[in-house]
Amino acid sequence: MDISDLVVFKAVVEYKGVTRAAQALHRVPSNVTARIKKLESELSVDLFLRENNRLSVTSAGLRLMDYTDKILQLQKSAIAELTHAEPAGLLRLGSMESSAASRLPSLLARYHRTYPAVQIELMTAASMLLINRVIDGELDIAMASDPPDDPRISTTHCFDEELVLILPAAWAELEELPEALTMVGYSKGCSYRHRLETWLKRQGRVCEKVIEIPSHYTMIGCVIAGMGIGMVPRSLLSLHKTDGLAFRAIDYDIAHAPTYLISRKDNPSSAINAFIESTLG
């Protein structure tokens, strides 16, 4: 089974037919058809159903597509590793919003100075969304908290955050939080939001409303304005004016939030390894 045959197979699946795949690959349709038949002969399975001059992928074809993506990614990584003395190419990086604001600027600046041939694309999102995108191959590496125990991913501890409960300054002297309580937080899948929900549960409390705000600037502003409570890393507060905020102690196991660099074990690259080493250095 040749790599070039897998490239043709992938194109036929993605372009949903031989003609368009042939155009994309700059081949004649008969050559594409021959490659597909060769693959089917080697594997002794039908990869496509052929009805009324239309192709649809079989279950065997879908399974092969999963392997094809992995094989082509490994081929790409091998070429990058063996043909570049220094890390180069595209690095798709994911980060939590708070880490992107408080931690990443200095890390990215150092990485860019050291490895200028690497092009960085940054995406910010909740931890679980980032981790799922790493697993799905849409991100190369992510900076996230509370990763799951998944055999497909590699986790490297990079730093610890101290989470603090923030509330309006007007509530500072209250012995108990108001009965009607609103949580101002990040979207579902955010590890910090989950930790706040865990803390509230321990207090026997449930927020009547949850206002999802992706921007930490807006979220902290809403807490100052009296909308509700939130939970953020202490390192983030150095970027904000905290007049109008009050803080409340929370349990250590909730406040202590390690952050990890997360990548797929089967997607090695010099750019990923260099980013990990640069971050830890």
Protein backbone atom coordinates (compact mmCIF):
# COMPACT_ATOMS: atom_id res chain seq x y z
CA MET A 1 0.00 0.00 0.00
CA ASP A 2 1.68 3.18 -1.24
CA ILE A 3 1.42 6.59 0.41
CA SER A 4 0.45 8.04 -2.97
CA ASP A 5 -2.51 5.66 -3.16
CA LEU A 6 -3.70 6.89 0.21
CA VAL A 7 -3.43 10.49 -0.97
CA VAL A 8 -5.68 9.63 -3.92
CA PHE A 9 -8.12 7.75 -1.69
CA LYS A 10 -8.34 10.70 0.74
CA ALA A 11 -9.03 13.10 -2.14
CA VAL A 12 -11.84 10.92 -3.52
CA VAL A 13 -13.47 10.83 -0.07
CA GLU A 14 -13.08 14.56 0.54
CA TYR A 15 -14.17 15.64 -2.95
CA LYS A 16 -16.97 13.04 -3.04
CA GLY A 17 -16.06 11.67 -6.42
CA VAL A 18 -13.37 10.73 -8.90
CA THR A 19 -13.70 13.69 -11.28
CA ARG A 20 -13.24 16.43 -8.71
CA ALA A 21 -10.50 14.48 -6.94
CA ALA A 22 -8.65 14.08 -10.24
CA GLN A 23 -8.89 17.82 -10.87
CA ALA A 24 -7.53 18.60 -7.40
CA LEU A 25 -4.66 16.14 -7.83
CA HIS A 26 -3.94 17.16 -11.44
CA ARG A 27 -4.47 13.61 -12.66
CA VAL A 28 -6.74 12.03 -15.23
CA PRO A 29 -9.86 10.31 -13.81
CA SER A 30 -8.79 6.91 -15.14
CA ASN A 31 -5.59 7.09 -13.08
CA VAL A 32 -7.57 7.90 -9.92
CA THR A 33 -9.98 5.03 -10.58
CA ALA A 34 -7.08 2.64 -11.11
CA ARG A 35 -5.48 3.69 -7.82
CA ILE A 36 -8.70 3.08 -5.91
CA LYS A 37 -9.16 -0.36 -7.50
CA LYS A 38 -5.54 -1.18 -6.64
CA LEU A 39 -6.16 -0.30 -2.99
CA GLU A 40 -9.35 -2.35 -2.88
CA SER A 41 -7.52 -5.31 -4.41
CA GLU A 42 -4.68 -5.09 -1.91
CA LEU A 43 -7.05 -4.85 1.04
CA SER A 44 -9.67 -7.27 -0.33
CA VAL A 45 -12.51 -4.90 0.62
CA ASP A 46 -14.76 -2.45 -1.16
CA LEU A 47 -13.92 1.10 -0.12
CA PHE A 48 -16.81 2.68 -2.04
CA LEU A 49 -20.33 1.73 -3.07
CA ARG A 50 -20.91 2.48 -6.76
CA GLU A 51 -24.50 3.25 -7.76
CA ASN A 52 -25.71 5.33 -10.70
CA ASN A 53 -22.24 6.77 -11.33
CA ARG A 54 -22.07 7.98 -7.72
CA LEU A 55 -19.64 6.92 -5.00
CA SER A 56 -20.36 6.61 -1.30
CA VAL A 57 -17.82 5.49 1.29
CA THR A 58 -18.30 2.08 2.89
CA SER A 59 -17.71 1.38 6.58
CA ALA A 60 -14.35 -0.16 5.60
CA GLY A 61 -13.55 3.02 3.69
CA LEU A 62 -14.31 5.13 6.75
CA ARG A 63 -12.00 3.02 8.88
CA LEU A 64 -9.25 3.34 6.28
CA MET A 65 -9.81 7.11 6.23
CA ASP A 66 -8.99 7.26 9.96
CA TYR A 67 -5.72 5.41 9.36
CA THR A 68 -4.98 7.51 6.27
CA ASP A 69 -5.17 10.75 8.25
CA LYS A 70 -2.77 9.35 10.85
CA ILE A 71 -0.34 7.95 8.26
CA LEU A 72 -0.21 11.19 6.27
CA GLN A 73 0.27 13.22 9.46
CA LEU A 74 3.16 10.96 10.49
CA GLN A 75 4.66 11.30 7.03
CA LYS A 76 4.40 15.09 7.29
CA SER A 77 6.03 15.05 10.73
CA ALA A 78 8.85 12.80 9.55
CA ILE A 79 9.62 15.03 6.59
CA ALA A 80 9.59 18.11 8.80
CA GLU A 81 11.90 16.48 11.34
CA LEU A 82 14.41 15.16 8.81
CA THR A 83 14.56 18.09 6.41
CA HIS A 84 14.75 21.01 8.83
CA ALA A 85 17.67 21.51 11.18
CA GLU A 86 15.56 23.97 13.17
CA PRO A 87 11.83 23.92 13.95
CA ALA A 88 9.80 25.42 11.10
CA GLY A 89 6.35 25.41 9.60
CA LEU A 90 2.96 25.92 11.25
CA LEU A 91 2.31 25.46 14.97
CA ARG A 92 -1.40 25.46 15.85
CA LEU A 93 -1.55 26.50 19.50
CA GLY A 94 -4.56 26.56 21.80
CA SER A 95 -4.86 28.32 25.14
CA MET A 96 -7.38 29.19 27.78
CA GLU A 97 -8.39 32.85 27.57
CA SER A 98 -6.88 33.67 30.96
CA SER A 99 -3.54 32.01 30.17
CA ALA A 100 -3.40 33.71 26.79
CA ALA A 101 -3.66 37.07 28.54
CA SER A 102 -1.44 36.57 31.58
CA ARG A 103 1.07 33.87 30.59
CA LEU A 104 1.44 33.59 26.83
CA PRO A 105 2.79 37.00 25.73
CA SER A 106 6.26 36.52 27.22
CA LEU A 107 6.35 32.82 26.26
CA LEU A 108 5.38 33.50 22.64
CA ALA A 109 7.83 36.37 22.34
CA ARG A 110 10.70 34.17 23.54
CA TYR A 111 9.66 31.30 21.26
CA HIS A 112 9.37 33.61 18.25
CA ARG A 113 12.82 35.09 18.87
CA THR A 114 14.35 31.63 19.14
CA TYR A 115 12.44 29.95 16.29
CA PRO A 116 11.45 32.65 13.78
CA ALA A 117 10.76 30.06 11.05
CA VAL A 118 7.75 28.73 12.97
CA GLN A 119 4.41 30.34 12.09
CA ILE A 120 2.07 30.39 15.09
CA GLU A 121 -1.72 30.25 14.92
CA LEU A 122 -3.43 30.86 18.28
CA MET A 123 -6.92 29.81 19.30
CA THR A 124 -8.47 30.58 22.71
CA ALA A 125 -11.27 28.47 24.16
CA ALA A 126 -12.34 26.45 27.20
CA SER A 127 -10.03 23.65 28.34
CA MET A 128 -12.12 20.68 27.19
CA LEU A 129 -12.76 22.18 23.77
CA LEU A 130 -9.02 22.73 23.33
CA ILE A 131 -8.18 19.20 24.45
CA ASN A 132 -10.78 17.71 22.10
CA ARG A 133 -9.32 19.70 19.21
CA VAL A 134 -5.86 18.35 20.01
CA ILE A 135 -7.28 14.81 20.03
CA ASP A 136 -9.09 15.46 16.73
CA GLY A 137 -5.90 16.79 15.14
CA GLU A 138 -7.17 20.36 14.77
CA LEU A 139 -4.56 21.75 17.20
CA ASP A 140 -0.94 20.69 17.64
CA ILE A 141 -0.64 21.65 21.30
CA ALA A 142 -2.83 23.32 23.92
CA MET A 143 -2.35 25.01 27.27
CA ALA A 144 -5.20 23.74 29.43
CA SER A 145 -6.22 22.68 32.92
CA ASP A 146 -7.68 19.45 34.31
CA PRO A 147 -6.93 17.18 31.31
CA PRO A 148 -8.71 13.81 31.17
CA ASP A 149 -6.92 10.50 31.55
CA ASP A 150 -6.68 9.73 27.83
CA PRO A 151 -4.01 7.37 26.42
CA ARG A 152 -3.83 9.38 23.18
CA ILE A 153 -2.46 12.55 24.76
CA SER A 154 0.78 13.58 26.38
CA THR A 155 0.61 16.07 29.28
CA THR A 156 3.49 18.23 30.52
CA HIS A 157 3.04 20.36 33.64
CA CYS A 158 4.08 23.95 32.92
CA PHE A 159 2.85 26.13 35.80
CA ASP A 160 0.32 26.41 38.63
CA GLU A 161 -2.45 28.94 38.98
CA GLU A 162 -4.08 30.09 42.21
CA LEU A 163 -7.79 30.60 41.64
CA VAL A 164 -9.67 33.22 43.62
CA LEU A 165 -13.37 33.83 44.09
CA ILE A 166 -14.26 37.35 42.98
CA LEU A 167 -17.41 39.22 44.03
CA PRO A 168 -18.63 42.82 44.09
CA ALA A 169 -16.97 44.98 46.73
CA ALA A 170 -20.42 45.75 48.16
CA TRP A 171 -20.69 42.08 49.19
CA ALA A 172 -17.36 42.03 51.06
CA GLU A 173 -18.91 42.35 54.54
CA LEU A 174 -21.70 39.83 53.94
CA GLU A 175 -21.39 36.66 56.03
CA GLU A 176 -23.32 34.71 53.43
CA LEU A 177 -23.61 35.21 49.70
CA PRO A 178 -27.01 36.49 48.47
CA GLU A 179 -29.75 33.90 48.06
CA ALA A 180 -30.37 34.83 44.42
CA LEU A 181 -26.92 34.17 43.00
CA THR A 182 -25.63 34.55 39.45
CA MET A 183 -22.40 32.97 38.19
CA VAL A 184 -20.43 35.08 35.72
CA GLY A 185 -18.09 32.68 34.00
CA TYR A 186 -16.60 31.14 30.94
CA SER A 187 -18.44 28.67 28.70
CA LYS A 188 -19.19 25.03 29.44
CA GLY A 189 -16.05 22.93 29.26
CA CYS A 190 -14.07 25.53 31.21
CA SER A 191 -12.17 23.85 34.04
CA TYR A 192 -12.33 26.99 36.19
CA ARG A 193 -16.11 27.18 35.84
CA HIS A 194 -16.31 23.51 36.85
CA ARG A 195 -14.18 24.25 39.93
CA LEU A 196 -16.47 27.13 40.91
CA GLU A 197 -19.50 24.86 40.53
CA THR A 198 -17.76 22.29 42.75
CA TRP A 199 -17.04 24.92 45.41
CA LEU A 200 -20.65 26.14 45.38
CA LYS A 201 -21.89 22.57 45.73
CA ARG A 202 -19.74 22.17 48.85
CA GLN A 203 -21.39 25.28 50.27
CA GLY A 204 -24.80 23.82 49.53
CA ARG A 205 -25.41 26.53 46.95
CA VAL A 206 -26.56 26.54 43.34
CA CYS A 207 -26.49 29.59 41.06
CA GLU A 208 -29.92 30.42 39.71
CA LYS A 209 -28.37 31.90 36.57
CA VAL A 210 -25.14 31.45 34.66
CA ILE A 211 -23.98 34.24 32.37
CA GLU A 212 -21.39 32.91 29.91
CA ILE A 213 -18.86 35.59 28.98
CA PRO A 214 -15.75 34.54 27.00
CA SER A 215 -13.81 37.76 27.72
CA HIS A 216 -12.10 38.05 31.11
CA TYR A 217 -12.23 41.86 30.81
CA THR A 218 -16.01 41.82 30.44
CA MET A 219 -16.44 39.10 33.06
CA ILE A 220 -14.50 41.01 35.75
CA GLY A 221 -16.29 44.22 34.78
CA CYS A 222 -19.66 42.53 35.24
CA VAL A 223 -18.67 41.28 38.70
CA ILE A 224 -17.56 44.80 39.68
CA ALA A 225 -20.94 46.09 38.45
CA GLY A 226 -22.71 43.72 40.84
CA MET A 227 -23.97 41.07 38.42
CA GLY A 228 -22.65 38.08 40.37
CA ILE A 229 -19.59 36.04 41.31
CA GLY A 230 -16.76 34.54 39.31
CA MET A 231 -13.52 32.60 39.63
CA VAL A 232 -10.26 33.62 37.95
CA PRO A 233 -6.51 33.02 38.35
CA ARG A 234 -4.80 35.52 40.65
CA SER A 235 -2.18 36.09 37.91
CA LEU A 236 -4.93 37.53 35.70
CA LEU A 237 -5.87 40.20 38.23
CA SER A 238 -2.54 41.97 37.74
CA LEU A 239 -3.84 42.99 34.29
CA HIS A 240 -6.94 44.67 35.72
CA LYS A 241 -7.94 47.49 38.00
CA THR A 242 -9.43 45.65 40.95
CA ASP A 243 -11.21 48.60 42.56
CA GLY A 244 -14.76 47.44 43.13
CA LEU A 245 -13.79 43.78 43.62
CA ALA A 246 -13.75 41.70 46.78
CA PHE A 247 -12.13 38.31 47.24
CA ARG A 248 -13.03 35.25 49.24
CA ALA A 249 -10.87 32.28 50.23
CA ILE A 250 -11.71 28.89 48.75
CA ASP A 251 -10.55 25.33 49.43
CA TYR A 252 -6.94 24.63 48.47
CA ASP A 253 -7.76 21.68 46.20
CA ILE A 254 -10.03 23.96 44.16
CA ALA A 255 -7.78 27.03 44.28
CA HIS A 256 -4.68 25.10 43.23
CA ALA A 257 -5.03 24.66 39.45
CA PRO A 258 -2.09 23.17 37.54
CA THR A 259 -1.83 24.03 33.85
CA TYR A 260 -0.50 21.55 31.29
CA LEU A 261 0.82 21.52 27.76
CA ILE A 262 -1.22 18.88 25.92
CA SER A 263 -0.36 17.23 22.62
CA ARG A 264 -1.05 13.96 20.85
CA LYS A 265 1.51 11.21 21.39
CA ASP A 266 1.32 10.22 17.71
CA ASN A 267 1.84 13.74 16.37
CA PRO A 268 5.47 14.55 17.20
CA SER A 269 7.20 17.54 15.64
CA SER A 270 10.25 19.66 16.31
CA ALA A 271 8.03 22.77 16.62
CA ILE A 272 5.93 21.14 19.36
CA ASN A 273 8.97 19.85 21.24
CA ALA A 274 10.66 23.25 20.97
CA PHE A 275 7.56 25.00 22.34
CA ILE A 276 7.46 22.66 25.34
CA GLU A 277 11.17 23.15 26.03
CA SER A 278 10.90 26.93 25.60
CA THR A 279 7.92 27.15 27.95
CA LEU A 280 9.60 25.08 30.65
CA GLY A 281 12.87 26.99 30.23
